[in-house]
Protein backbone atom coordinates (compact mmCIF):
# COMPACT_ATOMS: atom_id res chain seq x y z
CA MET A 1 -0.14 -0.23 0.24
CA ILE A 2 2.51 2.41 0.84
CA LYS A 3 4.31 1.65 -2.81
CA LYS A 4 1.19 2.65 -4.93
CA THR A 5 1.10 5.68 -2.29
CA LEU A 6 4.29 6.73 -3.46
CA ILE A 7 3.56 6.01 -6.75
CA THR A 8 0.22 8.31 -6.30
CA PHE A 9 2.80 11.10 -5.29
CA LEU A 10 5.18 10.52 -8.15
CA ILE A 11 2.12 10.76 -10.77
CA LEU A 12 1.34 13.99 -9.14
CA ALA A 13 4.50 15.86 -8.99
CA THR A 14 4.87 14.48 -13.10
CA LEU A 15 1.60 15.31 -14.20
CA ASN A 16 2.35 18.86 -12.30
CA GLN A 17 5.69 19.57 -14.25
CA ALA A 18 4.20 18.00 -17.37
CA PHE A 19 2.43 21.38 -17.46
CA ALA A 20 4.96 23.97 -16.03
CA GLN A 21 7.55 22.82 -18.61
CA SER A 22 9.41 26.11 -20.05
CA PRO A 23 8.71 28.29 -21.66
CA ARG A 24 6.38 30.06 -19.21
CA GLU A 25 5.76 32.82 -17.81
CA TYR A 26 5.31 32.71 -14.17
CA ILE A 27 4.30 35.60 -11.86
CA HIS A 28 5.02 34.64 -8.26
CA ASN A 29 3.17 36.23 -5.70
CA ASN A 30 3.67 35.83 -1.48
CA VAL A 31 0.64 34.80 0.07
CA PHE A 32 -0.77 33.79 3.76
CA TRP A 33 -3.62 31.40 3.58
CA SER A 34 -6.14 30.80 6.48
CA MET A 35 -8.28 27.88 7.13
CA ASN A 36 -10.84 27.19 9.90
CA PHE A 37 -13.14 24.36 10.14
CA LEU A 38 -15.67 23.60 12.94
CA ASN A 39 -17.07 20.23 13.31
CA GLY A 40 -19.66 18.36 14.96
CA LYS A 41 -22.77 15.48 14.62
CA LEU A 42 -26.12 16.30 14.53
CA ILE A 43 -27.24 13.33 15.29
CA LYS A 44 -25.58 12.48 19.14
CA ASN A 45 -23.68 8.97 18.61
CA GLY A 46 -25.07 8.51 15.11
CA LYS A 47 -23.11 8.66 11.66
CA LEU A 48 -24.03 12.11 10.08
CA ASN A 49 -22.13 15.12 10.80
CA TYR A 50 -21.68 18.89 9.87
CA GLU A 51 -18.69 20.81 8.87
CA ILE A 52 -18.47 24.88 8.45
CA GLU A 53 -15.45 25.77 6.88
CA TYR A 54 -14.18 29.48 6.37
CA GLN A 55 -10.89 30.20 4.21
CA ASN A 56 -9.38 33.48 4.10
CA ARG A 57 -6.18 34.09 1.49
CA ARG A 58 -4.26 37.17 1.29
CA ILE A 59 -1.39 37.73 -1.67
CA SER A 60 0.88 39.91 -2.51
CA ASP A 61 1.48 42.52 -5.07
CA PRO A 62 2.51 40.05 -8.30
CA ASP A 63 6.50 40.26 -9.40
CA ASN A 64 6.20 41.25 -12.43
CA GLN A 65 5.41 44.90 -11.76
CA THR A 66 8.75 47.38 -12.19
CA VAL A 67 7.98 49.57 -9.45
CA ASP A 68 6.33 50.13 -5.83
CA ARG A 69 5.84 46.46 -5.23
CA ASN A 70 4.24 45.35 -2.11
CA ALA A 71 6.17 42.12 -1.15
CA SER A 72 3.92 41.58 1.96
CA PRO A 73 1.60 38.47 1.73
CA PHE A 74 -0.85 40.55 3.58
CA ALA A 75 -0.86 43.17 1.23
CA HIS A 76 -4.72 42.50 -0.38
CA ILE A 77 -7.63 40.21 0.45
CA GLN A 78 -6.84 37.16 -2.45
CA THR A 79 -10.15 34.80 -1.92
CA HIS A 80 -12.17 34.07 1.09
CA PHE A 81 -15.47 32.20 0.95
CA ILE A 82 -17.55 30.11 3.56
CA ARG A 83 -18.65 26.27 3.22
CA PRO A 84 -21.05 24.15 4.65
CA TRP A 85 -20.82 20.64 4.96
CA ILE A 86 -23.09 17.65 5.77
CA TYR A 87 -21.48 14.42 5.81
CA TYR A 88 -22.04 10.57 6.37
CA GLN A 89 -19.22 8.41 8.12
CA LEU A 90 -20.29 5.29 6.65
CA ASN A 91 -17.56 3.61 8.74
CA PRO A 92 -13.80 4.61 9.71
CA ASN A 93 -12.53 4.05 6.20
CA VAL A 94 -15.21 5.70 3.69
CA ARG A 95 -17.09 9.24 4.34
CA PHE A 96 -19.68 10.68 1.96
CA SER A 97 -20.24 14.67 2.07
CA LEU A 98 -22.24 17.37 0.78
CA SER A 99 -21.75 20.90 0.38
CA PRO A 100 -25.10 21.95 -0.40
CA ILE A 101 -24.53 25.65 -1.15
CA ALA A 102 -21.22 27.79 -0.75
CA TRP A 103 -20.21 31.27 -1.35
CA PHE A 104 -16.54 32.40 -2.51
CA GLY A 105 -15.31 36.06 -3.40
CA ALA A 106 -12.03 36.35 -5.54
CA TRP A 107 -9.85 39.23 -6.27
CA ASN A 108 -7.27 39.96 -9.10
CA TYR A 109 -4.50 42.36 -8.73
CA PRO A 110 -2.65 43.36 -12.27
CA ASN A 111 0.21 45.16 -11.46
CA GLY A 112 -0.68 45.60 -8.06
CA LYS A 113 -4.01 47.43 -8.77
CA LEU A 114 -7.19 45.51 -8.30
CA GLY A 115 -8.83 44.62 -11.61
CA SER A 116 -11.84 42.62 -11.18
CA PHE A 117 -13.64 40.81 -8.52
CA ALA A 118 -15.59 37.64 -9.74
CA PRO A 119 -18.44 36.07 -6.96
CA GLU A 120 -18.78 32.22 -7.28
CA TYR A 121 -21.33 29.68 -5.91
CA ARG A 122 -20.69 26.19 -5.57
CA ILE A 123 -22.60 22.86 -5.19
CA THR A 124 -19.81 19.92 -3.99
CA PRO A 125 -20.45 16.54 -3.63
CA GLN A 126 -17.56 14.43 -2.19
CA ILE A 127 -15.58 11.27 -1.17
CA THR A 128 -12.95 10.22 1.04
CA MET A 129 -11.00 6.98 1.89
CA PHE A 130 -8.94 6.81 5.29
CA GLN A 131 -6.51 4.63 5.74
CA THR A 132 -3.91 3.79 8.66
CA ILE A 133 -0.58 1.39 8.28
CA GLY A 134 1.23 2.34 11.22
CA ARG A 135 2.48 5.54 12.13
CA LEU A 136 1.18 6.56 9.01
CA SER A 137 -2.57 8.11 8.03
CA LEU A 138 -3.60 8.35 4.34
CA GLN A 139 -6.39 10.26 2.68
CA HIS A 140 -7.95 10.08 -0.49
CA ARG A 141 -10.19 12.92 -1.50
CA PHE A 142 -12.49 12.51 -4.71
CA ARG A 143 -14.31 16.15 -5.12
CA TYR A 144 -16.45 17.21 -7.78
CA GLU A 145 -17.73 21.09 -7.56
CA PHE A 146 -20.60 22.71 -9.44
CA ARG A 147 -19.30 25.78 -10.39
CA PHE A 148 -21.63 28.97 -10.62
CA LEU A 149 -19.54 31.83 -11.85
CA GLY A 150 -20.75 35.62 -11.30
CA LYS A 151 -20.21 39.21 -13.54
CA ALA A 152 -16.28 40.17 -12.86
CA PHE A 153 -16.40 43.35 -11.49
CA THR A 154 -13.68 45.59 -12.65
CA GLU A 155 -11.19 48.08 -10.92
CA THR A 156 -13.73 50.87 -12.26
CA GLU A 157 -16.63 49.83 -10.58
CA ASN A 158 -17.50 50.22 -7.02
CA ILE A 159 -15.97 47.32 -5.37
CA ASN A 160 -16.32 46.12 -1.28
CA SER A 161 -13.27 45.06 0.55
CA PHE A 162 -15.86 42.30 1.70
CA THR A 163 -18.29 41.85 -0.84
CA GLY A 164 -17.30 42.71 -3.71
CA GLY A 165 -20.43 45.22 -3.94
CA GLY A 166 -22.52 43.18 -6.32
CA GLY A 167 -22.20 40.83 -9.93
CA TYR A 168 -24.04 38.17 -9.04
CA GLU A 169 -26.33 38.42 -12.41
CA GLY A 170 -24.81 36.06 -15.28
CA PHE A 171 -24.67 32.65 -12.96
CA SER A 172 -26.35 30.71 -15.21
CA ASP A 173 -24.75 31.79 -18.00
CA ASN A 174 -21.05 30.82 -16.74
CA ILE A 175 -21.57 27.40 -15.58
CA ARG A 176 -18.70 25.54 -15.18
CA GLY A 177 -17.36 22.08 -13.31
CA ARG A 178 -13.79 20.97 -11.06
CA ILE A 179 -13.07 17.19 -10.67
CA ARG A 180 -10.44 17.82 -7.80
CA TYR A 181 -8.26 14.81 -6.08
CA LEU A 182 -6.12 14.97 -2.98
CA LEU A 183 -4.03 12.70 -1.40
CA ARG A 184 -3.04 13.56 2.12
CA ALA A 185 -0.45 11.82 4.54
CA ASN A 186 0.26 12.46 7.92
CA ILE A 187 3.01 10.48 10.19
CA PHE A 188 2.37 10.69 13.77
CA LEU A 189 5.73 11.43 15.20
CA ASN A 190 5.67 11.19 18.95
CA SER A 191 2.71 8.81 19.49
CA GLU A 192 0.77 5.49 17.65
CA LYS A 193 -2.44 7.50 16.88
CA MET A 194 -3.99 10.47 16.87
CA GLN A 195 -4.87 11.66 19.99
CA ALA A 196 -4.10 14.40 22.77
CA LYS A 197 -0.75 15.75 22.43
CA THR A 198 -0.03 14.44 19.23
CA LEU A 199 2.84 16.24 17.16
CA TYR A 200 2.31 15.15 13.47
CA SER A 201 3.82 15.92 9.76
CA ALA A 202 1.15 17.04 7.86
CA ASN A 203 1.58 16.55 4.11
CA TRP A 204 -0.52 16.99 1.27
CA ASP A 205 -0.80 17.38 -3.28
CA GLU A 206 -3.88 18.55 -4.74
CA ILE A 207 -4.65 18.58 -8.35
CA PHE A 208 -7.54 20.49 -10.13
CA VAL A 209 -9.04 19.50 -13.65
CA SER A 210 -11.63 21.78 -15.40
CA THR A 211 -14.95 20.11 -17.32
CA GLY A 212 -17.63 22.21 -18.87
CA GLY A 213 -18.47 23.47 -22.61
CA LYS A 214 -16.49 26.28 -21.65
CA VAL A 215 -13.26 25.60 -20.99
CA GLY A 216 -10.86 25.10 -23.27
CA ASN A 217 -8.04 22.37 -24.08
CA SER A 218 -5.16 24.68 -22.69
CA ASN A 219 -7.33 25.08 -19.54
CA LEU A 220 -8.17 21.20 -18.35
CA LEU A 221 -5.38 21.48 -15.85
CA ASP A 222 -6.24 24.22 -13.88
CA GLN A 223 -3.80 24.52 -10.62
CA ASN A 224 -1.72 21.90 -8.43
CA ARG A 225 -1.59 22.74 -4.80
CA ILE A 226 1.32 21.16 -2.39
CA PHE A 227 1.83 21.22 1.50
CA LEU A 228 4.12 20.63 3.54
CA GLY A 229 3.74 21.35 7.34
CA LEU A 230 3.30 20.26 11.12
CA GLY A 231 0.34 19.63 13.25
CA TYR A 232 -0.59 19.27 16.68
CA LYS A 233 -3.66 18.25 18.59
CA PHE A 234 -4.10 19.49 22.03
CA ASP A 235 -6.98 17.75 23.11
CA GLY A 236 -9.93 15.94 22.01
CA HIS A 237 -11.38 19.17 20.10
CA PHE A 238 -8.53 21.14 19.15
CA ARG A 239 -5.53 20.67 16.46
CA VAL A 240 -3.40 23.28 14.52
CA GLU A 241 -1.21 22.60 11.34
CA ALA A 242 0.74 25.34 10.04
CA GLY A 243 3.83 24.80 7.11
CA TYR A 244 4.70 25.78 3.39
CA ILE A 245 2.04 26.00 0.52
CA ASN A 246 2.79 26.44 -3.01
CA GLN A 247 -0.49 26.98 -5.29
CA THR A 248 0.27 27.00 -9.42
CA ILE A 249 -2.53 27.92 -11.66
CA PHE A 250 -2.39 27.38 -15.38
CA ARG A 251 -3.99 30.38 -16.50
CA PHE A 252 -2.41 30.46 -19.97
CA ASN A 253 -4.52 33.41 -21.07
CA ASN A 254 -2.43 36.33 -21.89
CA VAL A 255 -1.54 36.91 -25.56
CA ALA A 256 1.37 34.31 -25.41
CA LYS A 257 -1.19 31.59 -23.79
CA ASN A 258 1.76 30.97 -21.37
CA ASN A 259 1.37 32.67 -17.78
CA VAL A 260 1.27 30.91 -15.10
CA ASP A 261 0.88 32.29 -11.50
CA SER A 262 3.25 30.58 -8.88
CA ASN A 263 2.07 31.53 -4.96
CA SER A 264 3.75 30.34 -2.36
CA GLY A 265 4.23 31.11 1.41
CA VAL A 266 2.45 30.14 4.74
CA LEU A 267 -0.93 28.24 5.46
CA LEU A 268 -2.18 28.16 9.22
CA THR A 269 -5.20 25.72 9.49
CA LEU A 270 -7.21 25.66 12.67
CA PHE A 271 -9.76 22.54 13.55
CA LEU A 272 -12.52 22.15 16.21
CA ASP A 273 -13.13 18.82 15.83
CA ASP A 274 -15.91 18.57 18.08
CA PHE A 275 -18.01 21.37 18.61
CA GLY A 276 -20.59 19.55 20.82
CA GLY A 277 -18.06 18.38 22.98
CA PHE A 278 -16.23 21.76 23.58
CA LEU A 279 -19.47 23.62 24.64
CA LYS A 280 -20.34 20.25 27.16
CA GLY A 281 -17.14 20.21 28.62
CA LYS A 282 -17.39 23.89 29.01
């Protein structure tokens, strides 16, 4: 099983490199991402659970700006969204999840200026498979996103820093899909399993493939993300992960059709794994 996992990692890395060969125009950005997950049970002692996910991503000015570049990863908001989940834990190895609706807001900053804001709604079914081999914990996550993209607002229009100020018409005219596969490997460093006071190595790679009639062949491979970090479980409720994140986005939407965004920086993730138990304890 470990051999299969290593082979999968190699395939993902090979695909990423295959679509990132020269000549490419790489636009490098510094980022700081924060992710927050709140989990709990819908039915006490049952298999039906909920999760509320909130993410906020910050980004610097792009490095192709010639003057007055702000390299701080906190310079601008890049993306933020809230996504509720309902999931059914069939058994310790299989979980079925559904996000019935989620709202996303994304900003674009060409040459350090606000280029556009685009809102988006998503509906997302998902299957997660879990494996444990000694101190190695694996996750295989298969996700499909039904994406409803709104009208992009340009810098000449009034854009609110949090909501974008509108742009919600056009969802029915711009529907896309995306397949996502994530392979996560956690290695417990000071205990045999995930429990209180566990320090672990947290690593994952995720590949994105776009679908839909409006997606060109050059944009089928949408992006790739890789994370290398450490995690710590404080008790039965709280867990934190921090480390290095790299996001490669194959845009290919300039004149030469060769531009690639390479965003790298810090990802901080907070987990509240048992919200009901936490409230009961308080």
